[in-house]
PDB file of all heavy atoms in Angstrom:
ATOM      1  N   GLY A   1     133.534 175.263 210.075  1.00  0.00           N
ATOM      2  CA  GLY A   1     134.936 175.333 209.694  1.00  0.00           C
ATOM      3  C   GLY A   1     135.528 176.729 209.736  1.00  0.00           C
ATOM      4  O   GLY A   1     136.700 176.888 209.421  1.00  0.00           O
ATOM      5  N   LEU A   2     134.744 177.759 210.075  1.00  0.00           N
ATOM      6  CA  LEU A   2     135.287 179.121 210.114  1.00  0.00           C
ATOM      7  C   LEU A   2     136.325 179.278 211.220  1.00  0.00           C
ATOM      8  O   LEU A   2     136.201 178.706 212.311  1.00  0.00           O
ATOM      9  CB  LEU A   2     134.148 180.121 210.345  1.00  0.00           C
ATOM     10  CG  LEU A   2     133.204 180.393 209.182  1.00  0.00           C
ATOM     11  CD1 LEU A   2     132.079 181.307 209.620  1.00  0.00           C
ATOM     12  CD2 LEU A   2     133.960 181.006 208.033  1.00  0.00           C
ATOM     13  N   LEU A   3     137.382 180.046 210.886  1.00  0.00           N
ATOM     14  CA  LEU A   3     138.366 180.381 211.902  1.00  0.00           C
ATOM     15  C   LEU A   3     137.743 181.397 212.853  1.00  0.00           C
ATOM     16  O   LEU A   3     137.470 182.553 212.469  1.00  0.00           O
ATOM     17  CB  LEU A   3     139.612 180.965 211.253  1.00  0.00           C
ATOM     18  CG  LEU A   3     140.751 181.421 212.222  1.00  0.00           C
ATOM     19  CD1 LEU A   3     141.146 180.302 213.161  1.00  0.00           C
ATOM     20  CD2 LEU A   3     141.935 181.918 211.410  1.00  0.00           C
ATOM     21  N   SER A   4     137.482 181.001 214.104  1.00  0.00           N
ATOM     22  CA  SER A   4     136.679 181.793 215.012  1.00  0.00           C
ATOM     23  C   SER A   4     137.476 182.342 216.166  1.00  0.00           C
ATOM     24  O   SER A   4     136.892 182.891 217.125  1.00  0.00           O
ATOM     25  CB  SER A   4     135.487 181.007 215.548  1.00  0.00           C
ATOM     26  OG  SER A   4     134.665 180.607 214.446  1.00  0.00           O
ATOM     27  N   VAL A   5     138.797 182.223 216.162  1.00  0.00           N
ATOM     28  CA  VAL A   5     139.637 182.862 217.197  1.00  0.00           C
ATOM     29  C   VAL A   5     139.911 184.266 216.687  1.00  0.00           C
ATOM     30  O   VAL A   5     140.663 184.455 215.704  1.00  0.00           O
ATOM     31  CB  VAL A   5     140.946 182.094 217.413  1.00  0.00           C
ATOM     32  CG1 VAL A   5     141.748 182.708 218.537  1.00  0.00           C
ATOM     33  CG2 VAL A   5     140.636 180.623 217.754  1.00  0.00           C
ATOM     34  N   PRO A   6     139.293 185.315 217.255  1.00  0.00           N
ATOM     35  CA  PRO A   6     139.330 186.628 216.657  1.00  0.00           C
ATOM     36  C   PRO A   6     140.700 187.186 216.352  1.00  0.00           C
ATOM     37  O   PRO A   6     140.977 187.723 215.275  1.00  0.00           O
ATOM     38  CB  PRO A   6     138.603 187.523 217.685  1.00  0.00           C
ATOM     39  CG  PRO A   6     137.739 186.603 218.461  1.00  0.00           C
ATOM     40  CD  PRO A   6     138.517 185.288 218.518  1.00  0.00           C
ATOM     41  N   GLN A   7     141.644 186.978 217.307  1.00  0.00           N
ATOM     42  CA  GLN A   7     142.971 187.566 217.120  1.00  0.00           C
ATOM     43  C   GLN A   7     143.715 186.925 215.941  1.00  0.00           C
ATOM     44  O   GLN A   7     144.414 187.613 215.206  1.00  0.00           O
ATOM     45  CB  GLN A   7     143.788 187.429 218.430  1.00  0.00           C
ATOM     46  CG  GLN A   7     143.166 188.118 219.645  1.00  0.00           C
ATOM     47  CD  GLN A   7     142.102 187.294 220.333  1.00  0.00           C
ATOM     48  OE1 GLN A   7     141.645 186.266 219.824  1.00  0.00           O
ATOM     49  NE2 GLN A   7     141.668 187.787 221.481  1.00  0.00           N
ATOM     50  N   ILE A   8     143.590 185.613 215.808  1.00  0.00           N
ATOM     51  CA  ILE A   8     144.274 184.914 214.695  1.00  0.00           C
ATOM     52  C   ILE A   8     143.593 185.214 213.392  1.00  0.00           C
ATOM     53  O   ILE A   8     144.237 185.434 212.360  1.00  0.00           O
ATOM     54  CB  ILE A   8     144.331 183.410 214.979  1.00  0.00           C
ATOM     55  CG1 ILE A   8     144.994 183.112 216.335  1.00  0.00           C
ATOM     56  CG2 ILE A   8     145.022 182.654 213.850  1.00  0.00           C
ATOM     57  CD1 ILE A   8     145.003 181.659 216.711  1.00  0.00           C
ATOM     58  N   ALA A   9     142.246 185.230 213.400  1.00  0.00           N
ATOM     59  CA  ALA A   9     141.483 185.507 212.173  1.00  0.00           C
ATOM     60  C   ALA A   9     141.802 186.889 211.627  1.00  0.00           C
ATOM     61  O   ALA A   9     141.921 187.105 210.405  1.00  0.00           O
ATOM     62  CB  ALA A   9     139.986 185.356 212.440  1.00  0.00           C
ATOM     63  N   ALA A  10     141.935 187.873 212.524  1.00  0.00           N
ATOM     64  CA  ALA A  10     142.242 189.243 212.092  1.00  0.00           C
ATOM     65  C   ALA A  10     143.592 189.320 211.437  1.00  0.00           C
ATOM     66  O   ALA A  10     143.766 190.019 210.408  1.00  0.00           O
ATOM     67  CB  ALA A  10     142.184 190.196 213.295  1.00  0.00           C
ATOM     68  N   LEU A  11     144.598 188.620 211.940  1.00  0.00           N
ATOM     69  CA  LEU A  11     145.919 188.649 211.355  1.00  0.00           C
ATOM     70  C   LEU A  11     145.912 187.949 209.994  1.00  0.00           C
ATOM     71  O   LEU A  11     146.579 188.350 209.043  1.00  0.00           O
ATOM     72  CB  LEU A  11     146.936 187.990 212.295  1.00  0.00           C
ATOM     73  CG  LEU A  11     147.231 188.776 213.579  1.00  0.00           C
ATOM     74  CD1 LEU A  11     148.210 188.024 214.450  1.00  0.00           C
ATOM     75  CD2 LEU A  11     147.770 190.169 213.250  1.00  0.00           C
ATOM     76  N   ALA A  12     145.124 186.855 209.869  1.00  0.00           N
ATOM     77  CA  ALA A  12     145.022 186.156 208.598  1.00  0.00           C
ATOM     78  C   ALA A  12     144.395 187.068 207.550  1.00  0.00           C
ATOM     79  O   ALA A  12     144.854 187.116 206.396  1.00  0.00           O
ATOM     80  CB  ALA A  12     144.228 184.866 208.734  1.00  0.00           C
ATOM     81  N   ARG A  13     143.364 187.801 207.902  1.00  0.00           N
ATOM     82  CA  ARG A  13     142.709 188.705 206.964  1.00  0.00           C
ATOM     83  C   ARG A  13     143.664 189.835 206.549  1.00  0.00           C
ATOM     84  O   ARG A  13     143.703 190.214 205.382  1.00  0.00           O
ATOM     85  CB  ARG A  13     141.431 189.312 207.595  1.00  0.00           C
ATOM     86  CG  ARG A  13     140.256 188.353 207.727  1.00  0.00           C
ATOM     87  CD  ARG A  13     138.973 189.056 208.030  1.00  0.00           C
ATOM     88  NE  ARG A  13     139.054 189.806 209.287  1.00  0.00           N
ATOM     89  CZ  ARG A  13     138.707 189.297 210.446  1.00  0.00           C
ATOM     90  NH1 ARG A  13     138.254 188.047 210.538  1.00  0.00           N
ATOM     91  NH2 ARG A  13     138.769 190.014 211.550  1.00  0.00           N
ATOM     92  N   LEU A  14     144.408 190.359 207.510  1.00  0.00           N
ATOM     93  CA  LEU A  14     145.352 191.441 207.190  1.00  0.00           C
ATOM     94  C   LEU A  14     146.445 190.953 206.260  1.00  0.00           C
ATOM     95  O   LEU A  14     146.774 191.637 205.285  1.00  0.00           O
ATOM     96  CB  LEU A  14     145.983 191.967 208.499  1.00  0.00           C
ATOM     97  CG  LEU A  14     146.948 193.126 208.341  1.00  0.00           C
ATOM     98  CD1 LEU A  14     146.229 194.345 207.754  1.00  0.00           C
ATOM     99  CD2 LEU A  14     147.583 193.492 209.688  1.00  0.00           C
ATOM    100  N   ALA A  15     146.970 189.772 206.498  1.00  0.00           N
ATOM    101  CA  ALA A  15     148.005 189.243 205.609  1.00  0.00           C
ATOM    102  C   ALA A  15     147.482 189.037 204.198  1.00  0.00           C
ATOM    103  O   ALA A  15     148.160 189.338 203.209  1.00  0.00           O
ATOM    104  CB  ALA A  15     148.547 187.905 206.177  1.00  0.00           C
ATOM    105  N   ARG A  16     146.233 188.517 204.080  1.00  0.00           N
ATOM    106  CA  ARG A  16     145.663 188.313 202.741  1.00  0.00           C
ATOM    107  C   ARG A  16     145.406 189.655 202.041  1.00  0.00           C
ATOM    108  O   ARG A  16     145.698 189.812 200.874  1.00  0.00           O
ATOM    109  CB  ARG A  16     144.337 187.565 202.833  1.00  0.00           C
ATOM    110  CG  ARG A  16     143.679 187.311 201.486  1.00  0.00           C
ATOM    111  CD  ARG A  16     142.344 186.605 201.605  1.00  0.00           C
ATOM    112  NE  ARG A  16     142.465 185.288 202.141  1.00  0.00           N
ATOM    113  CZ  ARG A  16     142.066 184.915 203.369  1.00  0.00           C
ATOM    114  NH1 ARG A  16     141.529 185.834 204.176  1.00  0.00           N
ATOM    115  NH2 ARG A  16     142.212 183.680 203.799  1.00  0.00           N
ATOM    116  N   ARG A  17     144.899 190.631 202.758  1.00  0.00           N
ATOM    117  CA  ARG A  17     144.594 191.928 202.192  1.00  0.00           C
ATOM    118  C   ARG A  17     145.846 192.636 201.679  1.00  0.00           C
ATOM    119  O   ARG A  17     145.856 193.221 200.586  1.00  0.00           O
ATOM    120  CB  ARG A  17     143.844 192.807 203.150  1.00  0.00           C
ATOM    121  CG  ARG A  17     143.497 194.187 202.625  1.00  0.00           C
ATOM    122  CD  ARG A  17     142.510 194.930 203.525  1.00  0.00           C
ATOM    123  NE  ARG A  17     143.049 195.159 204.859  1.00  0.00           N
ATOM    124  CZ  ARG A  17     143.812 196.204 205.168  1.00  0.00           C
ATOM    125  NH1 ARG A  17     144.101 197.085 204.225  1.00  0.00           N
ATOM    126  NH2 ARG A  17     144.254 196.390 206.399  1.00  0.00           N
ATOM    127  N   LEU A  18     146.943 192.617 202.485  1.00  0.00           N
ATOM    128  CA  LEU A  18     148.156 193.319 202.148  1.00  0.00           C
ATOM    129  C   LEU A  18     149.063 192.495 201.220  1.00  0.00           C
ATOM    130  O   LEU A  18     149.928 193.065 200.547  1.00  0.00           O
ATOM    131  CB  LEU A  18     148.924 193.714 203.423  1.00  0.00           C
ATOM    132  CG  LEU A  18     148.198 194.639 204.353  1.00  0.00           C
ATOM    133  CD1 LEU A  18     149.065 194.899 205.576  1.00  0.00           C
ATOM    134  CD2 LEU A  18     147.804 195.960 203.684  1.00  0.00           C
ATOM    135  N   GLY A  19     148.858 191.163 201.200  1.00  0.00           N
ATOM    136  CA  GLY A  19     149.726 190.314 200.374  1.00  0.00           C
ATOM    137  C   GLY A  19     151.127 190.188 200.898  1.00  0.00           C
ATOM    138  O   GLY A  19     152.058 189.901 200.166  1.00  0.00           O
ATOM    139  N   ILE A  20     151.306 190.394 202.203  1.00  0.00           N
ATOM    140  CA  ILE A  20     152.627 190.270 202.826  1.00  0.00           C
ATOM    141  C   ILE A  20     152.525 189.442 204.112  1.00  0.00           C
ATOM    142  O   ILE A  20     151.420 189.236 204.639  1.00  0.00           O
ATOM    143  CB  ILE A  20     153.245 191.637 203.188  1.00  0.00           C
ATOM    144  CG1 ILE A  20     152.388 192.348 204.242  1.00  0.00           C
ATOM    145  CG2 ILE A  20     153.422 192.509 201.938  1.00  0.00           C
ATOM    146  CD1 ILE A  20     153.031 193.627 204.753  1.00  0.00           C
ATOM    147  N   THR A  21     153.673 188.942 204.552  1.00  0.00           N
ATOM    148  CA  THR A  21     153.707 188.188 205.788  1.00  0.00           C
ATOM    149  C   THR A  21     153.468 189.100 206.986  1.00  0.00           C
ATOM    150  O   THR A  21     154.098 190.143 207.076  1.00  0.00           O
ATOM    151  CB  THR A  21     155.028 187.434 205.954  1.00  0.00           C
ATOM    152  OG1 THR A  21     155.200 186.528 204.872  1.00  0.00           O
ATOM    153  CG2 THR A  21     155.087 186.718 207.291  1.00  0.00           C
ATOM    154  N   ILE A  22     152.563 188.724 207.860  1.00  0.00           N
ATOM    155  CA  ILE A  22     152.320 189.489 209.119  1.00  0.00           C
ATOM    156  C   ILE A  22     152.765 188.579 210.276  1.00  0.00           C
ATOM    157  O   ILE A  22     152.410 187.405 210.352  1.00  0.00           O
ATOM    158  CB  ILE A  22     150.837 189.827 209.251  1.00  0.00           C
ATOM    159  CG1 ILE A  22     150.361 190.681 208.088  1.00  0.00           C
ATOM    160  CG2 ILE A  22     150.580 190.533 210.578  1.00  0.00           C
ATOM    161  CD1 ILE A  22     151.009 192.045 208.008  1.00  0.00           C
ATOM    162  N   SER A  23     153.548 189.140 211.180  1.00  0.00           N
ATOM    163  CA  SER A  23     154.051 188.371 212.305  1.00  0.00           C
ATOM    164  C   SER A  23     153.861 189.200 213.553  1.00  0.00           C
ATOM    165  O   SER A  23     154.516 190.240 213.703  1.00  0.00           O
ATOM    166  CB  SER A  23     155.515 188.032 212.084  1.00  0.00           C
ATOM    167  OG  SER A  23     155.990 187.162 213.127  1.00  0.00           O
ATOM    168  N   ARG A  24     152.974 188.785 214.451  1.00  0.00           N
ATOM    169  CA  ARG A  24     152.612 189.602 215.609  1.00  0.00           C
ATOM    170  C   ARG A  24     152.323 188.729 216.836  1.00  0.00           C
ATOM    171  O   ARG A  24     151.917 187.584 216.713  1.00  0.00           O
ATOM    172  CB  ARG A  24     151.370 190.430 215.331  1.00  0.00           C
ATOM    173  CG  ARG A  24     151.471 191.384 214.165  1.00  0.00           C
ATOM    174  CD  ARG A  24     151.157 192.790 214.570  1.00  0.00           C
ATOM    175  NE  ARG A  24     151.204 193.664 213.416  1.00  0.00           N
ATOM    176  CZ  ARG A  24     150.165 194.312 212.952  1.00  0.00           C
ATOM    177  NH1 ARG A  24     149.018 194.166 213.542  1.00  0.00           N
ATOM    178  NH2 ARG A  24     150.291 195.078 211.911  1.00  0.00           N
ATOM    179  N   ALA A  25     152.502 189.344 218.006  1.00  0.00           N
ATOM    180  CA  ALA A  25     152.062 188.676 219.248  1.00  0.00           C
ATOM    181  C   ALA A  25     150.542 188.798 219.375  1.00  0.00           C
ATOM    182  O   ALA A  25     149.935 189.757 218.883  1.00  0.00           O
ATOM    183  CB  ALA A  25     152.743 189.337 220.418  1.00  0.00           C
TER     184      ALA A  25
END
């Protein structure tokens, strides 16, 4: 069940760490 698409997983981790919405290509 791990999110294994690196680009999407990295943005999810960044949003959780910063506590803000991240919106990127």
